[in-house]
Protein backbone atom coordinates (compact mmCIF):
# COMPACT_ATOMS: atom_id res chain seq x y z
CA UNK A 1 -29.27 -8.39 18.31
CA UNK A 2 -26.08 -10.22 17.39
CA UNK A 3 -24.18 -12.51 19.68
CA UNK A 4 -21.50 -9.90 20.47
CA UNK A 5 -23.73 -6.83 20.56
CA UNK A 6 -24.26 -6.96 24.31
CA UNK A 7 -20.56 -6.72 25.14
CA UNK A 8 -19.14 -3.37 23.98
CA UNK A 9 -15.51 -4.55 24.19
CA UNK A 10 -16.00 -7.90 22.46
CA UNK A 11 -17.82 -6.64 19.36
CA UNK A 12 -14.87 -4.60 17.97
CA UNK A 13 -12.50 -7.52 18.59
CA UNK A 14 -14.83 -9.93 16.81
CA UNK A 15 -15.10 -7.51 13.92
CA UNK A 16 -11.31 -7.11 13.93
CA UNK A 17 -10.89 -10.88 13.75
CA UNK A 18 -13.29 -11.06 10.82
CA UNK A 19 -11.45 -8.28 8.98
CA UNK A 20 -8.11 -9.93 9.77
CA UNK A 21 -9.31 -13.15 8.17
CA UNK A 22 -10.57 -11.17 5.19
CA UNK A 23 -7.20 -9.44 4.70
CA UNK A 24 -5.37 -12.78 4.84
CA UNK A 25 -7.74 -14.34 2.29
CA UNK A 26 -7.40 -11.30 0.04
CA UNK A 27 -3.61 -11.55 0.28
CA UNK A 28 -3.72 -15.22 -0.66
CA UNK A 29 -5.93 -14.40 -3.64
CA UNK A 30 -3.53 -11.59 -4.60
CA UNK A 31 -0.61 -14.01 -4.60
CA UNK A 32 -2.12 -17.21 -6.01
CA UNK A 33 -4.94 -16.21 -8.39
CA UNK A 34 -3.93 -14.67 -11.72
CA UNK A 35 -5.74 -11.49 -12.88
CA UNK A 36 -8.15 -11.42 -9.93
CA UNK A 37 -5.09 -11.17 -7.69
CA UNK A 38 -4.32 -7.69 -8.98
CA UNK A 39 -7.76 -6.49 -7.92
CA UNK A 40 -7.41 -8.23 -4.55
CA UNK A 41 -4.05 -6.52 -3.97
CA UNK A 42 -5.49 -3.11 -4.76
CA UNK A 43 -8.48 -3.72 -2.48
CA UNK A 44 -6.36 -5.23 0.32
CA UNK A 45 -6.28 -2.02 2.45
CA UNK A 46 -10.09 -1.77 2.43
CA UNK A 47 -10.75 -3.93 5.55
CA UNK A 48 -8.08 -1.95 7.40
CA UNK A 49 -9.72 1.31 6.36
CA UNK A 50 -13.17 0.13 7.52
CA UNK A 51 -11.90 -1.15 10.87
CA UNK A 52 -9.99 2.07 11.59
CA UNK A 53 -13.03 4.11 10.55
CA UNK A 54 -15.33 2.17 12.86
CA UNK A 55 -13.05 1.46 15.84
CA UNK A 56 -9.90 3.57 15.67
CA UNK A 57 -6.20 3.27 14.90
CA UNK A 58 -5.38 0.91 17.78
CA UNK A 59 -7.51 -1.89 16.34
CA UNK A 60 -6.23 -1.05 12.85
CA UNK A 61 -2.63 -1.55 13.95
CA UNK A 62 -3.61 -4.81 15.63
CA UNK A 63 -5.26 -6.00 12.41
CA UNK A 64 -2.14 -5.14 10.39
CA UNK A 65 0.17 -6.92 12.85
CA UNK A 66 -1.91 -10.09 13.15
CA UNK A 67 -2.68 -10.35 9.44
CA UNK A 68 1.00 -9.75 8.64
CA UNK A 69 2.05 -12.61 10.89
CA UNK A 70 -0.63 -14.91 9.48
CA UNK A 71 0.35 -14.03 5.91
CA UNK A 72 4.00 -14.67 6.74
CA UNK A 73 3.07 -18.14 7.98
CA UNK A 74 0.60 -19.00 5.21
CA UNK A 75 2.21 -17.34 2.19
CA UNK A 76 5.83 -16.27 2.65
CA UNK A 77 7.51 -13.89 5.12
CA UNK A 78 9.18 -11.51 2.68
CA UNK A 79 6.11 -11.28 0.46
CA UNK A 80 3.99 -10.61 3.54
CA UNK A 81 6.37 -7.88 4.68
CA UNK A 82 6.29 -6.22 1.27
CA UNK A 83 2.49 -6.41 1.02
CA UNK A 84 2.01 -5.00 4.51
CA UNK A 85 4.58 -2.24 4.01
CA UNK A 86 3.14 -1.29 0.61
CA UNK A 87 -0.58 -1.24 1.41
CA UNK A 88 -1.28 -1.17 5.15
CA UNK A 89 -0.16 2.44 5.79
CA UNK A 90 -2.56 3.62 3.09
CA UNK A 91 -5.50 1.84 4.74
CA UNK A 92 -4.54 3.24 8.14
CA UNK A 93 -4.24 6.82 6.87
CA UNK A 94 -7.46 6.70 4.87
CA UNK A 95 -9.39 5.19 7.78
CA UNK A 96 -8.00 7.75 10.21
CA UNK A 97 -8.72 10.60 7.81
CA UNK A 98 -12.34 9.57 7.34
CA UNK A 99 -12.74 8.98 11.07
CA UNK A 100 -11.29 12.41 11.90
CA UNK A 101 -13.56 13.98 9.25
CA UNK A 102 -10.70 15.51 7.28
CA UNK A 103 -11.51 17.42 4.11
CA UNK A 104 -11.38 15.53 0.82
CA UNK A 105 -8.26 17.45 -0.24
CA UNK A 106 -6.46 16.62 3.01
CA UNK A 107 -7.43 12.94 2.74
CA UNK A 108 -6.28 12.81 -0.88
CA UNK A 109 -2.97 14.53 -0.19
CA UNK A 110 -2.30 12.39 2.88
CA UNK A 111 -3.14 9.23 0.93
CA UNK A 112 -0.89 10.28 -1.94
CA UNK A 113 2.06 10.99 0.33
CA UNK A 114 1.51 7.74 2.23
CA UNK A 115 1.20 5.73 -1.01
CA UNK A 116 4.51 7.12 -2.27
CA UNK A 117 6.18 6.54 1.09
CA UNK A 118 4.77 3.01 1.31
CA UNK A 119 5.90 2.08 -2.18
CA UNK A 120 9.39 3.41 -1.50
CA UNK A 121 9.46 1.46 1.76
CA UNK A 122 8.38 -1.70 -0.03
CA UNK A 123 11.03 -1.26 -2.73
CA UNK A 124 13.66 -0.57 -0.08
CA UNK A 125 12.74 -3.79 1.71
CA UNK A 126 12.99 -5.65 -1.60
CA UNK A 127 16.41 -4.12 -2.25
CA UNK A 128 17.63 -4.86 1.28
CA UNK A 129 16.44 -8.48 1.30
CA UNK A 130 17.39 -9.48 -2.23
CA UNK A 131 20.28 -7.11 -2.93
CA UNK A 132 18.72 -6.45 -6.34
CA UNK A 133 17.95 -2.87 -7.25
CA UNK A 134 14.39 -3.06 -8.68
CA UNK A 135 14.95 0.08 -10.75
CA UNK A 136 18.09 -1.29 -12.37
CA UNK A 137 16.43 -4.66 -12.97
CA UNK A 138 13.48 -2.96 -14.67
CA UNK A 139 15.76 -0.85 -16.86
CA UNK A 140 17.82 -3.92 -17.79
CA UNK A 141 14.66 -5.81 -18.77
CA UNK A 142 13.53 -2.90 -20.95
CA UNK A 143 16.93 -2.77 -22.69
CA UNK A 144 16.93 -6.52 -23.35
CA UNK A 145 13.41 -6.34 -24.74
CA UNK A 146 14.33 -3.49 -27.05
CA UNK A 147 17.45 -5.30 -28.23
CA UNK A 148 15.35 -8.35 -29.10
CA UNK A 149 13.01 -6.09 -31.08
CA UNK A 150 15.94 -4.59 -32.99
CA UNK A 151 17.27 -8.06 -33.82
CA UNK A 152 13.84 -9.07 -35.08
CA UNK A 153 13.67 -5.97 -37.32
CA UNK A 154 17.11 -6.78 -38.72
CA UNK A 155 15.96 -10.30 -39.58
CA UNK A 156 12.95 -8.80 -41.35
CA UNK A 157 15.32 -6.64 -43.46
CA UNK A 158 14.05 -3.32 -42.15
CA UNK A 159 16.07 -0.33 -43.31
CA UNK A 160 19.24 -0.13 -41.15
CA UNK A 161 19.01 3.67 -41.05
CA UNK A 162 15.55 3.47 -39.42
CA UNK A 163 16.81 0.86 -36.95
CA UNK A 164 19.76 3.07 -36.00
CA UNK A 165 17.43 6.06 -35.61
CA UNK A 166 15.09 4.08 -33.33
CA UNK A 167 18.06 2.81 -31.34
CA UNK A 168 19.33 6.36 -30.81
CA UNK A 169 15.91 7.53 -29.65
CA UNK A 170 15.62 4.58 -27.30
CA UNK A 171 19.03 5.26 -25.77
CA UNK A 172 18.06 8.90 -25.15
CA UNK A 173 14.79 7.80 -23.59
CA UNK A 174 16.57 5.25 -21.39
CA UNK A 175 19.00 7.93 -20.16
CA UNK A 176 16.08 10.17 -19.26
CA UNK A 177 14.19 7.33 -17.56
CA UNK A 178 17.26 6.24 -15.60
CA UNK A 179 17.66 9.81 -14.31
CA UNK A 180 13.98 10.27 -13.47
CA UNK A 181 13.12 6.75 -12.22
CA UNK A 182 14.74 6.88 -8.76
């Protein structure tokens, strides 16, 4: 028997504290460690999911709140807010769905809707805080990159007709992307 097994109220809190520490460490890895950080960010909702599955939504919300505050102190407040808003709802919904024994289709659809909502929420927070539209910034970066490529082809004496054709196709694609992206 473990040290907290005798007390039915203390064991979930101890487990919640352990999972809170794990989410904070995973967030720090996601921010500060290249390559591995991407995996840590994708797996970040997993402790939330497990805690909600084992002990319910109340403890899951507590984990999200406490880990968000700790991440804000240890990493950076806006980054913490974006990470929590982007990934925590997914962990909560998946944990609740498994706990409630939803069908696989219902869990998948709920997770998909929550992932889209969470990502839009995260991008909205980014837009509100920084005043920079992430969609416009991404499109601008793509246009600059393509322009650099065209300049490089011109320096390599590529046929100007082919460059103009590629430029026309790119402009059409950018119009389509700019209409579909938001």
